[in-house]
Amino acid sequence: MRIILSGAGIQIYGLYKAQQTLAYIDWNHQKIEYILPGKKKRVTIQISELTAIEIKVFQVIFYFKNGNKTILNMENFLYKDLQTIKEGMQAIGKSLENQKKSQTASKD
């Protein structure tokens, strides 16, 4: 019986450690969602609320229309995942820039 309890304890600890190290991120043309390692809360960002996205080496900074900003820290991401995320965020950032340009051009 003690071995079974120890085994269960290892499995629970393993699940806890997995939750501490796993990350989730997903995006489409409407929203960006992510959960960072060690966090339980899913963050959802509506793209319609953004004015710009700044991409740094291990961070993506989201600038909102209300003046706030949110930083997505990606220090613990694998290189290939980091590159994929950056490419996706660059595409969204370019879309935001194009929207700004078209709004400015329509005002002129």
PDB file of N, CA and C in Angstrom:
ATOM      1  N   MET A   1       0.818  -1.198   0.000  1.00  0.00           N
ATOM      2  CA  MET A   1       0.000   0.000   0.000  1.00  0.00           C
ATOM      3  C   MET A   1       0.863   1.262   0.000  1.00  0.00           C
ATOM      4  N   ARG A   2       1.941   1.242   0.678  1.00  0.00           N
ATOM      5  CA  ARG A   2       2.806   2.415   0.727  1.00  0.00           C
ATOM      6  C   ARG A   2       3.388   2.723  -0.656  1.00  0.00           C
ATOM      7  N   ILE A   3       3.725   1.722  -1.413  1.00  0.00           N
ATOM      8  CA  ILE A   3       4.271   1.927  -2.758  1.00  0.00           C
ATOM      9  C   ILE A   3       3.231   2.587  -3.654  1.00  0.00           C
ATOM     10  N   ILE A   4       1.984   2.152  -3.557  1.00  0.00           N
ATOM     11  CA  ILE A   4       0.923   2.749  -4.369  1.00  0.00           C
ATOM     12  C   ILE A   4       0.759   4.226  -4.014  1.00  0.00           C
ATOM     13  N   LEU A   5       0.759   4.531  -2.739  1.00  0.00           N
ATOM     14  CA  LEU A   5       0.621   5.934  -2.335  1.00  0.00           C
ATOM     15  C   LEU A   5       1.819   6.751  -2.812  1.00  0.00           C
ATOM     16  N   SER A   6       3.003   6.184  -2.717  1.00  0.00           N
ATOM     17  CA  SER A   6       4.186   6.886  -3.206  1.00  0.00           C
ATOM     18  C   SER A   6       4.084   7.112  -4.702  1.00  0.00           C
ATOM     19  N   GLY A   7       3.622   6.081  -5.400  1.00  0.00           N
ATOM     20  CA  GLY A   7       3.443   6.218  -6.855  1.00  0.00           C
ATOM     21  C   GLY A   7       2.440   7.302  -7.191  1.00  0.00           C
ATOM     22  N   ALA A   8       1.337   7.336  -6.465  1.00  0.00           N
ATOM     23  CA  ALA A   8       0.327   8.366  -6.696  1.00  0.00           C
ATOM     24  C   ALA A   8       0.904   9.744  -6.387  1.00  0.00           C
ATOM     25  N   GLY A   9       1.705   9.822  -5.340  1.00  0.00           N
ATOM     26  CA  GLY A   9       2.334  11.095  -4.998  1.00  0.00           C
ATOM     27  C   GLY A   9       3.260  11.577  -6.095  1.00  0.00           C
ATOM     28  N   ILE A  10       4.004  10.663  -6.699  1.00  0.00           N
ATOM     29  CA  ILE A  10       4.903  11.031  -7.796  1.00  0.00           C
ATOM     30  C   ILE A  10       4.093  11.504  -8.997  1.00  0.00           C
ATOM     31  N   GLN A  11       2.991  10.825  -9.292  1.00  0.00           N
ATOM     32  CA  GLN A  11       2.161  11.227 -10.425  1.00  0.00           C
ATOM     33  C   GLN A  11       1.565  12.608 -10.193  1.00  0.00           C
ATOM     34  N   ILE A  12       1.082  12.862  -8.997  1.00  0.00           N
ATOM     35  CA  ILE A  12       0.512  14.175  -8.693  1.00  0.00           C
ATOM     36  C   ILE A  12       1.596  15.239  -8.778  1.00  0.00           C
ATOM     37  N   TYR A  13       2.772  14.950  -8.232  1.00  0.00           N
ATOM     38  CA  TYR A  13       3.880  15.892  -8.306  1.00  0.00           C
ATOM     39  C   TYR A  13       4.261  16.137  -9.763  1.00  0.00           C
ATOM     40  N   GLY A  14       4.287  15.039 -10.555  1.00  0.00           N
ATOM     41  CA  GLY A  14       4.614  15.176 -11.978  1.00  0.00           C
ATOM     42  C   GLY A  14       3.606  16.050 -12.705  1.00  0.00           C
ATOM     43  N   LEU A  15       2.329  15.872 -12.395  1.00  0.00           N
ATOM     44  CA  LEU A  15       1.298  16.707 -13.000  1.00  0.00           C
ATOM     45  C   LEU A  15       1.476  18.153 -12.562  1.00  0.00           C
ATOM     46  N   TYR A  16       1.787  18.365 -11.289  1.00  0.00           N
ATOM     47  CA  TYR A  16       2.017  19.719 -10.784  1.00  0.00           C
ATOM     48  C   TYR A  16       3.207  20.355 -11.502  1.00  0.00           C
ATOM     49  N   LYS A  17       4.303  19.613 -11.651  1.00  0.00           N
ATOM     50  CA  LYS A  17       5.487  20.150 -12.329  1.00  0.00           C
ATOM     51  C   LYS A  17       5.186  20.447 -13.795  1.00  0.00           C
ATOM     52  N   ALA A  18       4.381  19.591 -14.432  1.00  0.00           N
ATOM     53  CA  ALA A  18       4.013  19.838 -15.825  1.00  0.00           C
ATOM     54  C   ALA A  18       3.221  21.138 -15.938  1.00  0.00           C
ATOM     55  N   GLN A  19       2.319  21.384 -14.995  1.00  0.00           N
ATOM     56  CA  GLN A  19       1.549  22.619 -15.011  1.00  0.00           C
ATOM     57  C   GLN A  19       2.455  23.826 -14.801  1.00  0.00           C
ATOM     58  N   GLN A  20       3.537  23.654 -14.082  1.00  0.00           N
ATOM     59  CA  GLN A  20       4.452  24.752 -13.809  1.00  0.00           C
ATOM     60  C   GLN A  20       5.332  25.085 -15.011  1.00  0.00           C
ATOM     61  N   THR A  21       5.513  24.136 -15.943  1.00  0.00           N
ATOM     62  CA  THR A  21       6.447  24.349 -17.047  1.00  0.00           C
ATOM     63  C   THR A  21       5.782  24.451 -18.409  1.00  0.00           C
ATOM     64  N   LEU A  22       4.522  24.077 -18.539  1.00  0.00           N
ATOM     65  CA  LEU A  22       3.856  24.104 -19.830  1.00  0.00           C
ATOM     66  C   LEU A  22       3.269  25.481 -20.108  1.00  0.00           C
ATOM     67  N   ALA A  23       3.261  25.831 -21.373  1.00  0.00           N
ATOM     68  CA  ALA A  23       2.674  27.093 -21.802  1.00  0.00           C
ATOM     69  C   ALA A  23       1.713  26.814 -22.946  1.00  0.00           C
ATOM     70  N   TYR A  24       0.741  27.696 -23.104  1.00  0.00           N
ATOM     71  CA  TYR A  24      -0.248  27.574 -24.170  1.00  0.00           C
ATOM     72  C   TYR A  24      -0.410  28.934 -24.807  1.00  0.00           C
ATOM     73  N   ILE A  25      -0.425  28.976 -26.127  1.00  0.00           N
ATOM     74  CA  ILE A  25      -0.728  30.220 -26.831  1.00  0.00           C
ATOM     75  C   ILE A  25      -1.444  29.875 -28.125  1.00  0.00           C
ATOM     76  N   ASP A  26      -2.453  30.663 -28.440  1.00  0.00           N
ATOM     77  CA  ASP A  26      -3.238  30.466 -29.649  1.00  0.00           C
ATOM     78  C   ASP A  26      -3.697  31.836 -30.129  1.00  0.00           C
ATOM     79  N   TRP A  27      -3.800  32.004 -31.439  1.00  0.00           N
ATOM     80  CA  TRP A  27      -4.269  33.273 -31.968  1.00  0.00           C
ATOM     81  C   TRP A  27      -4.998  33.045 -33.286  1.00  0.00           C
ATOM     82  N   ASN A  28      -5.864  33.981 -33.604  1.00  0.00           N
ATOM     83  CA  ASN A  28      -6.541  34.023 -34.897  1.00  0.00           C
ATOM     84  C   ASN A  28      -6.766  35.496 -35.231  1.00  0.00           C
ATOM     85  N   HIS A  29      -7.624  35.806 -36.195  1.00  0.00           N
ATOM     86  CA  HIS A  29      -7.804  37.201 -36.604  1.00  0.00           C
ATOM     87  C   HIS A  29      -8.630  38.022 -35.614  1.00  0.00           C
ATOM     88  N   GLN A  30      -9.178  37.374 -34.584  1.00  0.00           N
ATOM     89  CA  GLN A  30      -9.993  38.091 -33.613  1.00  0.00           C
ATOM     90  C   GLN A  30      -9.352  38.232 -32.239  1.00  0.00           C
ATOM     91  N   LYS A  31      -8.582  37.202 -31.816  1.00  0.00           N
ATOM     92  CA  LYS A  31      -8.064  37.233 -30.451  1.00  0.00           C
ATOM     93  C   LYS A  31      -6.760  36.450 -30.311  1.00  0.00           C
ATOM     94  N   ILE A  32      -6.072  36.740 -29.215  1.00  0.00           N
ATOM     95  CA  ILE A  32      -4.857  36.042 -28.809  1.00  0.00           C
ATOM     96  C   ILE A  32      -5.128  35.508 -27.409  1.00  0.00           C
ATOM     97  N   GLU A  33      -4.869  34.224 -27.196  1.00  0.00           N
ATOM     98  CA  GLU A  33      -5.062  33.622 -25.874  1.00  0.00           C
ATOM     99  C   GLU A  33      -3.771  32.942 -25.459  1.00  0.00           C
ATOM    100  N   TYR A  34      -3.441  33.052 -24.174  1.00  0.00           N
ATOM    101  CA  TYR A  34      -2.266  32.343 -23.687  1.00  0.00           C
ATOM    102  C   TYR A  34      -2.360  32.052 -22.198  1.00  0.00           C
ATOM    103  N   ILE A  35      -1.627  31.008 -21.797  1.00  0.00           N
ATOM    104  CA  ILE A  35      -1.413  30.664 -20.392  1.00  0.00           C
ATOM    105  C   ILE A  35       0.086  30.460 -20.253  1.00  0.00           C
ATOM    106  N   LEU A  36       0.696  31.160 -19.334  1.00  0.00           N
ATOM    107  CA  LEU A  36       2.142  31.055 -19.129  1.00  0.00           C
ATOM    108  C   LEU A  36       2.456  30.013 -18.065  1.00  0.00           C
ATOM    109  N   PRO A  37       3.674  29.457 -18.077  1.00  0.00           N
ATOM    110  CA  PRO A  37       4.062  28.477 -17.050  1.00  0.00           C
ATOM    111  C   PRO A  37       3.882  29.043 -15.646  1.00  0.00           C
ATOM    112  N   GLY A  38       3.329  28.230 -14.765  1.00  0.00           N
ATOM    113  CA  GLY A  38       3.124  28.648 -13.388  1.00  0.00           C
ATOM    114  C   GLY A  38       1.861  29.455 -13.160  1.00  0.00           C
ATOM    115  N   LYS A  39       1.154  29.797 -14.221  1.00  0.00           N
ATOM    116  CA  LYS A  39      -0.081  30.579 -14.099  1.00  0.00           C
ATOM    117  C   LYS A  39      -1.270  29.667 -14.387  1.00  0.00           C
ATOM    118  N   LYS A  40      -2.368  29.928 -13.739  1.00  0.00           N
ATOM    119  CA  LYS A  40      -3.574  29.143 -13.967  1.00  0.00           C
ATOM    120  C   LYS A  40      -4.586  29.898 -14.815  1.00  0.00           C
ATOM    121  N   LYS A  41      -4.432  31.205 -14.892  1.00  0.00           N
ATOM    122  CA  LYS A  41      -5.414  32.044 -15.571  1.00  0.00           C
ATOM    123  C   LYS A  41      -5.079  32.211 -17.047  1.00  0.00           C
ATOM    124  N   ARG A  42      -6.075  31.973 -17.890  1.00  0.00           N
ATOM    125  CA  ARG A  42      -5.929  32.187 -19.332  1.00  0.00           C
ATOM    126  C   ARG A  42      -6.106  33.679 -19.616  1.00  0.00           C
ATOM    127  N   VAL A  43      -5.196  34.233 -20.391  1.00  0.00           N
ATOM    128  CA  VAL A  43      -5.268  35.637 -20.782  1.00  0.00           C
ATOM    129  C   VAL A  43      -5.816  35.689 -22.202  1.00  0.00           C
ATOM    130  N   THR A  44      -6.849  36.495 -22.410  1.00  0.00           N
ATOM    131  CA  THR A  44      -7.433  36.672 -23.735  1.00  0.00           C
ATOM    132  C   THR A  44      -7.327  38.135 -24.117  1.00  0.00           C
ATOM    133  N   ILE A  45      -6.764  38.382 -25.281  1.00  0.00           N
ATOM    134  CA  ILE A  45      -6.615  39.738 -25.803  1.00  0.00           C
ATOM    135  C   ILE A  45      -7.405  39.828 -27.102  1.00  0.00           C
ATOM    136  N   GLN A  46      -8.355  40.737 -27.145  1.00  0.00           N
ATOM    137  CA  GLN A  46      -9.113  40.976 -28.368  1.00  0.00           C
ATOM    138  C   GLN A  46      -8.267  41.871 -29.272  1.00  0.00           C
ATOM    139  N   ILE A  47      -8.043  41.441 -30.481  1.00  0.00           N
ATOM    140  CA  ILE A  47      -7.195  42.205 -31.400  1.00  0.00           C
ATOM    141  C   ILE A  47      -7.805  43.571 -31.708  1.00  0.00           C
ATOM    142  N   SER A  48      -9.128  43.666 -31.688  1.00  0.00           N
ATOM    143  CA  SER A  48      -9.791  44.953 -31.936  1.00  0.00           C
ATOM    144  C   SER A  48      -9.467  45.987 -30.861  1.00  0.00           C
ATOM    145  N   GLU A  49      -8.955  45.553 -29.698  1.00  0.00           N
ATOM    146  CA  GLU A  49      -8.604  46.462 -28.604  1.00  0.00           C
ATOM    147  C   GLU A  49      -7.148  46.937 -28.687  1.00  0.00           C
ATOM    148  N   LEU A  50      -6.369  46.385 -29.625  1.00  0.00           N
ATOM    149  CA  LEU A  50      -4.940  46.706 -29.729  1.00  0.00           C
ATOM    150  C   LEU A  50      -4.684  47.870 -30.682  1.00  0.00           C
ATOM    151  N   THR A  51      -3.619  48.622 -30.378  1.00  0.00           N
ATOM    152  CA  THR A  51      -3.138  49.653 -31.307  1.00  0.00           C
ATOM    153  C   THR A  51      -1.840  49.220 -31.965  1.00  0.00           C
ATOM    154  N   ALA A  52      -1.034  48.423 -31.248  1.00  0.00           N
ATOM    155  CA  ALA A  52       0.260  47.995 -31.799  1.00  0.00           C
ATOM    156  C   ALA A  52       0.779  46.785 -31.035  1.00  0.00           C
ATOM    157  N   ILE A  53       1.719  46.104 -31.684  1.00  0.00           N
ATOM    158  CA  ILE A  53       2.438  44.988 -31.062  1.00  0.00           C
ATOM    159  C   ILE A  53       3.922  45.223 -31.292  1.00  0.00           C
ATOM    160  N   GLU A  54       4.694  45.170 -30.227  1.00  0.00           N
ATOM    161  CA  GLU A  54       6.151  45.311 -30.311  1.00  0.00           C
ATOM    162  C   GLU A  54       6.781  43.963 -29.981  1.00  0.00           C
ATOM    163  N   ILE A  55       7.697  43.518 -30.833  1.00  0.00           N
ATOM    164  CA  ILE A  55       8.320  42.210 -30.646  1.00  0.00           C
ATOM    165  C   ILE A  55       9.783  42.401 -30.291  1.00  0.00           C
ATOM    166  N   LYS A  56      10.163  41.828 -29.153  1.00  0.00           N
ATOM    167  CA  LYS A  56      11.551  41.862 -28.701  1.00  0.00           C
ATOM    168  C   LYS A  56      12.091  40.436 -28.716  1.00  0.00           C
ATOM    169  N   VAL A  57      13.291  40.229 -28.233  1.00  0.00           N
ATOM    170  CA  VAL A  57      13.925  38.918 -28.291  1.00  0.00           C
ATOM    171  C   VAL A  57      13.093  37.856 -27.579  1.00  0.00           C
ATOM    172  N   PHE A  58      12.732  38.088 -26.322  1.00  0.00           N
ATOM    173  CA  PHE A  58      11.955  37.119 -25.555  1.00  0.00           C
ATOM    174  C   PHE A  58      10.637  37.694 -25.039  1.00  0.00           C
ATOM    175  N   GLN A  59      10.154  38.750 -25.657  1.00  0.00           N
ATOM    176  CA  GLN A  59       8.911  39.372 -25.210  1.00  0.00           C
ATOM    177  C   GLN A  59       8.084  39.840 -26.400  1.00  0.00           C
ATOM    178  N   VAL A  60       6.787  39.838 -26.196  1.00  0.00           N
ATOM    179  CA  VAL A  60       5.861  40.506 -27.101  1.00  0.00           C
ATOM    180  C   VAL A  60       5.091  41.489 -26.234  1.00  0.00           C
ATOM    181  N   ILE A  61       5.073  42.748 -26.649  1.00  0.00           N
ATOM    182  CA  ILE A  61       4.384  43.786 -25.881  1.00  0.00           C
ATOM    183  C   ILE A  61       3.150  44.201 -26.667  1.00  0.00           C
ATOM    184  N   PHE A  62       2.006  44.104 -26.012  1.00  0.00           N
ATOM    185  CA  PHE A  62       0.732  44.463 -26.614  1.00  0.00           C
ATOM    186  C   PHE A  62       0.321  45.840 -26.097  1.00  0.00           C
ATOM    187  N   TYR A  63       0.064  46.781 -27.006  1.00  0.00           N
ATOM    188  CA  TYR A  63      -0.375  48.129 -26.648  1.00  0.00           C
ATOM    189  C   TYR A  63      -1.861  48.259 -26.954  1.00  0.00           C
ATOM    190  N   PHE A  64      -2.611  48.712 -25.956  1.00  0.00           N
ATOM    191  CA  PHE A  64      -4.064  48.790 -26.071  1.00  0.00           C
ATOM    192  C   PHE A  64      -4.539  50.209 -26.357  1.00  0.00           C
ATOM    193  N   LYS A  65      -5.728  50.312 -26.900  1.00  0.00           N
ATOM    194  CA  LYS A  65      -6.332  51.610 -27.216  1.00  0.00           C
ATOM    195  C   LYS A  65      -6.536  52.459 -25.966  1.00  0.00           C
ATOM    196  N   ASN A  66      -6.712  51.826 -24.809  1.00  0.00           N
ATOM    197  CA  ASN A  66      -6.929  52.580 -23.570  1.00  0.00           C
ATOM    198  C   ASN A  66      -5.621  53.052 -22.923  1.00  0.00           C
ATOM    199  N   GLY A  67      -4.484  52.805 -23.580  1.00  0.00           N
ATOM    200  CA  GLY A  67      -3.191  53.261 -23.072  1.00  0.00           C
ATOM    201  C   GLY A  67      -2.428  52.222 -22.259  1.00  0.00           C
ATOM    202  N   ASN A  68      -3.060  51.132 -21.914  1.00  0.00           N
ATOM    203  CA  ASN A  68      -2.391  50.067 -21.158  1.00  0.00           C
ATOM    204  C   ASN A  68      -1.515  49.224 -22.069  1.00  0.00           C
ATOM    205  N   LYS A  69      -0.661  48.444 -21.434  1.00  0.00           N
ATOM    206  CA  LYS A  69       0.136  47.485 -22.196  1.00  0.00           C
ATOM    207  C   LYS A  69       0.274  46.199 -21.386  1.00  0.00           C
ATOM    208  N   THR A  70       0.454  45.093 -22.101  1.00  0.00           N
ATOM    209  CA  THR A  70       0.650  43.780 -21.496  1.00  0.00           C
ATOM    210  C   THR A  70       1.885  43.167 -22.126  1.00  0.00           C
ATOM    211  N   ILE A  71       2.714  42.528 -21.296  1.00  0.00           N
ATOM    212  CA  ILE A  71       3.944  41.909 -21.794  1.00  0.00           C
ATOM    213  C   ILE A  71       3.809  40.392 -21.707  1.00  0.00           C
ATOM    214  N   LEU A  72       4.018  39.742 -22.841  1.00  0.00           N
ATOM    215  CA  LEU A  72       4.059  38.285 -22.906  1.00  0.00           C
ATOM    216  C   LEU A  72       5.530  37.879 -22.836  1.00  0.00           C
ATOM    217  N   ASN A  73       5.934  37.273 -21.729  1.00  0.00           N
ATOM    218  CA  ASN A  73       7.318  36.858 -21.524  1.00  0.00           C
ATOM    219  C   ASN A  73       7.492  35.440 -22.067  1.00  0.00           C
ATOM    220  N   MET A  74       8.427  35.262 -22.993  1.00  0.00           N
ATOM    221  CA  MET A  74       8.620  33.965 -23.644  1.00  0.00           C
ATOM    222  C   MET A  74      10.017  33.400 -23.407  1.00  0.00           C
ATOM    223  N   GLU A  75      10.632  33.715 -22.273  1.00  0.00           N
ATOM    224  CA  GLU A  75      11.994  33.268 -21.991  1.00  0.00           C
ATOM    225  C   GLU A  75      12.133  31.750 -21.965  1.00  0.00           C
ATOM    226  N   ASN A  76      11.095  31.049 -21.531  1.00  0.00           N
ATOM    227  CA  ASN A  76      11.195  29.603 -21.381  1.00  0.00           C
ATOM    228  C   ASN A  76      10.646  28.828 -22.581  1.00  0.00           C
ATOM    229  N   PHE A  77      10.344  29.495 -23.673  1.00  0.00           N
ATOM    230  CA  PHE A  77       9.800  28.828 -24.845  1.00  0.00           C
ATOM    231  C   PHE A  77      10.931  28.205 -25.662  1.00  0.00           C
ATOM    232  N   LEU A  78      10.632  27.100 -26.325  1.00  0.00           N
ATOM    233  CA  LEU A  78      11.595  26.496 -27.247  1.00  0.00           C
ATOM    234  C   LEU A  78      11.813  27.434 -28.429  1.00  0.00           C
ATOM    235  N   TYR A  79      13.006  27.364 -29.029  1.00  0.00           N
ATOM    236  CA  TYR A  79      13.353  28.278 -30.117  1.00  0.00           C
ATOM    237  C   TYR A  79      12.349  28.212 -31.266  1.00  0.00           C
ATOM    238  N   LYS A  80      11.997  26.999 -31.690  1.00  0.00           N
ATOM    239  CA  LYS A  80      11.074  26.877 -32.836  1.00  0.00           C
ATOM    240  C   LYS A  80       9.694  27.431 -32.485  1.00  0.00           C
ATOM    241  N   ASP A  81       9.250  27.237 -31.250  1.00  0.00           N
ATOM    242  CA  ASP A  81       7.966  27.798 -30.822  1.00  0.00           C
ATOM    243  C   ASP A  81       8.051  29.317 -30.752  1.00  0.00           C
ATOM    244  N   LEU A  82       9.157  29.814 -30.263  1.00  0.00           N
ATOM    245  CA  LEU A  82       9.387  31.251 -30.175  1.00  0.00           C
ATOM    246  C   LEU A  82       9.303  31.895 -31.558  1.00  0.00           C
ATOM    247  N   GLN A  83       9.934  31.267 -32.540  1.00  0.00           N
ATOM    248  CA  GLN A  83       9.916  31.789 -33.907  1.00  0.00           C
ATOM    249  C   GLN A  83       8.501  31.779 -34.489  1.00  0.00           C
ATOM    250  N   THR A  84       7.775  30.701 -34.270  1.00  0.00           N
ATOM    251  CA  THR A  84       6.400  30.604 -34.780  1.00  0.00           C
ATOM    252  C   THR A  84       5.517  31.680 -34.162  1.00  0.00           C
ATOM    253  N   ILE A  85       5.643  31.878 -32.869  1.00  0.00           N
ATOM    254  CA  ILE A  85       4.851  32.895 -32.174  1.00  0.00           C
ATOM    255  C   ILE A  85       5.212  34.286 -32.686  1.00  0.00           C
ATOM    256  N   LYS A  86       6.497  34.560 -32.835  1.00  0.00           N
ATOM    257  CA  LYS A  86       6.920  35.868 -33.332  1.00  0.00           C
ATOM    258  C   LYS A  86       6.371  36.133 -34.731  1.00  0.00           C
ATOM    259  N   GLU A  87       6.406  35.127 -35.589  1.00  0.00           N
ATOM    260  CA  GLU A  87       5.868  35.289 -36.948  1.00  0.00           C
ATOM    261  C   GLU A  87       4.377  35.606 -36.907  1.00  0.00           C
ATOM    262  N   GLY A  88       3.646  34.894 -36.063  1.00  0.00           N
ATOM    263  CA  GLY A  88       2.214  35.161 -35.928  1.00  0.00           C
ATOM    264  C   GLY A  88       1.933  36.552 -35.397  1.00  0.00           C
ATOM    265  N   MET A  89       2.706  36.981 -34.402  1.00  0.00           N
ATOM    266  CA  MET A  89       2.502  38.305 -33.815  1.00  0.00           C
ATOM    267  C   MET A  89       2.907  39.401 -34.805  1.00  0.00           C
ATOM    268  N   GLN A  90       3.945  39.148 -35.627  1.00  0.00           N
ATOM    269  CA  GLN A  90       4.340  40.112 -36.651  1.00  0.00           C
ATOM    270  C   GLN A  90       3.218  40.304 -37.667  1.00  0.00           C
ATOM    271  N   ALA A  91       2.573  39.198 -38.050  1.00  0.00           N
ATOM    272  CA  ALA A  91       1.460  39.293 -39.000  1.00  0.00           C
ATOM    273  C   ALA A  91       0.310  40.114 -38.414  1.00  0.00           C
ATOM    274  N   ILE A  92       0.003  39.896 -37.145  1.00  0.00           N
ATOM    275  CA  ILE A  92      -1.058  40.676 -36.497  1.00  0.00           C
ATOM    276  C   ILE A  92      -0.639  42.139 -36.396  1.00  0.00           C
ATOM    277  N   GLY A  93       0.635  42.386 -36.038  1.00  0.00           N
ATOM    278  CA  GLY A  93       1.152  43.754 -35.951  1.00  0.00           C
ATOM    279  C   GLY A  93       1.071  44.488 -37.281  1.00  0.00           C
ATOM    280  N   LYS A  94       1.413  43.801 -38.378  1.00  0.00           N
ATOM    281  CA  LYS A  94       1.320  44.424 -39.710  1.00  0.00           C
ATOM    282  C   LYS A  94      -0.130  44.722 -40.059  1.00  0.00           C
ATOM    283  N   SER A  95      -1.017  43.838 -39.678  1.00  0.00           N
ATOM    284  CA  SER A  95      -2.443  44.072 -39.916  1.00  0.00           C
ATOM    285  C   SER A  95      -2.915  45.318 -39.166  1.00  0.00           C
ATOM    286  N   LEU A  96      -2.464  45.486 -37.938  1.00  0.00           N
ATOM    287  CA  LEU A  96      -2.819  46.682 -37.160  1.00  0.00           C
ATOM    288  C   LEU A  96      -2.268  47.946 -37.815  1.00  0.00           C
ATOM    289  N   GLU A  97      -1.028  47.872 -38.307  1.00  0.00           N
ATOM    290  CA  GLU A  97      -0.419  49.023 -38.985  1.00  0.00           C
ATOM    291  C   GLU A  97      -1.204  49.381 -40.244  1.00  0.00           C
ATOM    292  N   ASN A  98      -1.588  48.366 -41.013  1.00  0.00           N
ATOM    293  CA  ASN A  98      -2.362  48.608 -42.234  1.00  0.00           C
ATOM    294  C   ASN A  98      -3.716  49.229 -41.923  1.00  0.00           C
ATOM    295  N   GLN A  99      -4.338  48.798 -40.828  1.00  0.00           N
ATOM    296  CA  GLN A  99      -5.612  49.394 -40.421  1.00  0.00           C
ATOM    297  C   GLN A  99      -5.427  50.863 -40.081  1.00  0.00           C
ATOM    298  N   LYS A 100      -4.345  51.174 -39.362  1.00  0.00           N
ATOM    299  CA  LYS A 100      -4.062  52.576 -39.011  1.00  0.00           C
ATOM    300  C   LYS A 100      -3.875  53.418 -40.261  1.00  0.00           C
ATOM    301  N   LYS A 101      -3.094  52.891 -41.212  1.00  0.00           N
ATOM    302  CA  LYS A 101      -2.826  53.617 -42.454  1.00  0.00           C
ATOM    303  C   LYS A 101      -4.096  53.850 -43.245  1.00  0.00           C
ATOM    304  N   SER A 102      -4.956  52.837 -43.337  1.00  0.00           N
ATOM    305  CA  SER A 102      -6.185  53.000 -44.105  1.00  0.00           C
ATOM    306  C   SER A 102      -7.139  53.966 -43.412  1.00  0.00           C
ATOM    307  N   GLN A 103      -7.149  53.985 -42.079  1.00  0.00           N
ATOM    308  CA  GLN A 103      -7.987  54.936 -41.351  1.00  0.00           C
ATOM    309  C   GLN A 103      -7.476  56.367 -41.544  1.00  0.00           C
ATOM    310  N   THR A 104      -6.150  56.518 -41.536  1.00  0.00           N
ATOM    311  CA  THR A 104      -5.555  57.834 -41.747  1.00  0.00           C
ATOM    312  C   THR A 104      -5.811  58.307 -43.160  1.00  0.00           C
ATOM    313  N   ALA A 105      -5.687  57.427 -44.146  1.00  0.00           N
ATOM    314  CA  ALA A 105      -5.908  57.786 -45.535  1.00  0.00           C
ATOM    315  C   ALA A 105      -7.376  58.151 -45.785  1.00  0.00           C
ATOM    316  N   SER A 106      -8.297  57.465 -45.119  1.00  0.00           N
ATOM    317  CA  SER A 106      -9.724  57.769 -45.321  1.00  0.00           C
ATOM    318  C   SER A 106     -10.106  59.097 -44.683  1.00  0.00           C
ATOM    319  N   LYS A 107      -9.352  59.550 -43.665  1.00  0.00           N
ATOM    320  CA  LYS A 107      -9.626  60.846 -43.036  1.00  0.00           C
ATOM    321  C   LYS A 107      -9.137  61.997 -43.897  1.00  0.00           C
ATOM    322  N   ASP A 108      -8.104  61.733 -44.701  1.00  0.00           N
ATOM    323  CA  ASP A 108      -7.520  62.807 -45.544  1.00  0.00           C
ATOM    324  C   ASP A 108      -8.355  63.073 -46.730  1.00  0.00           C
TER     325      ASP A 108
END
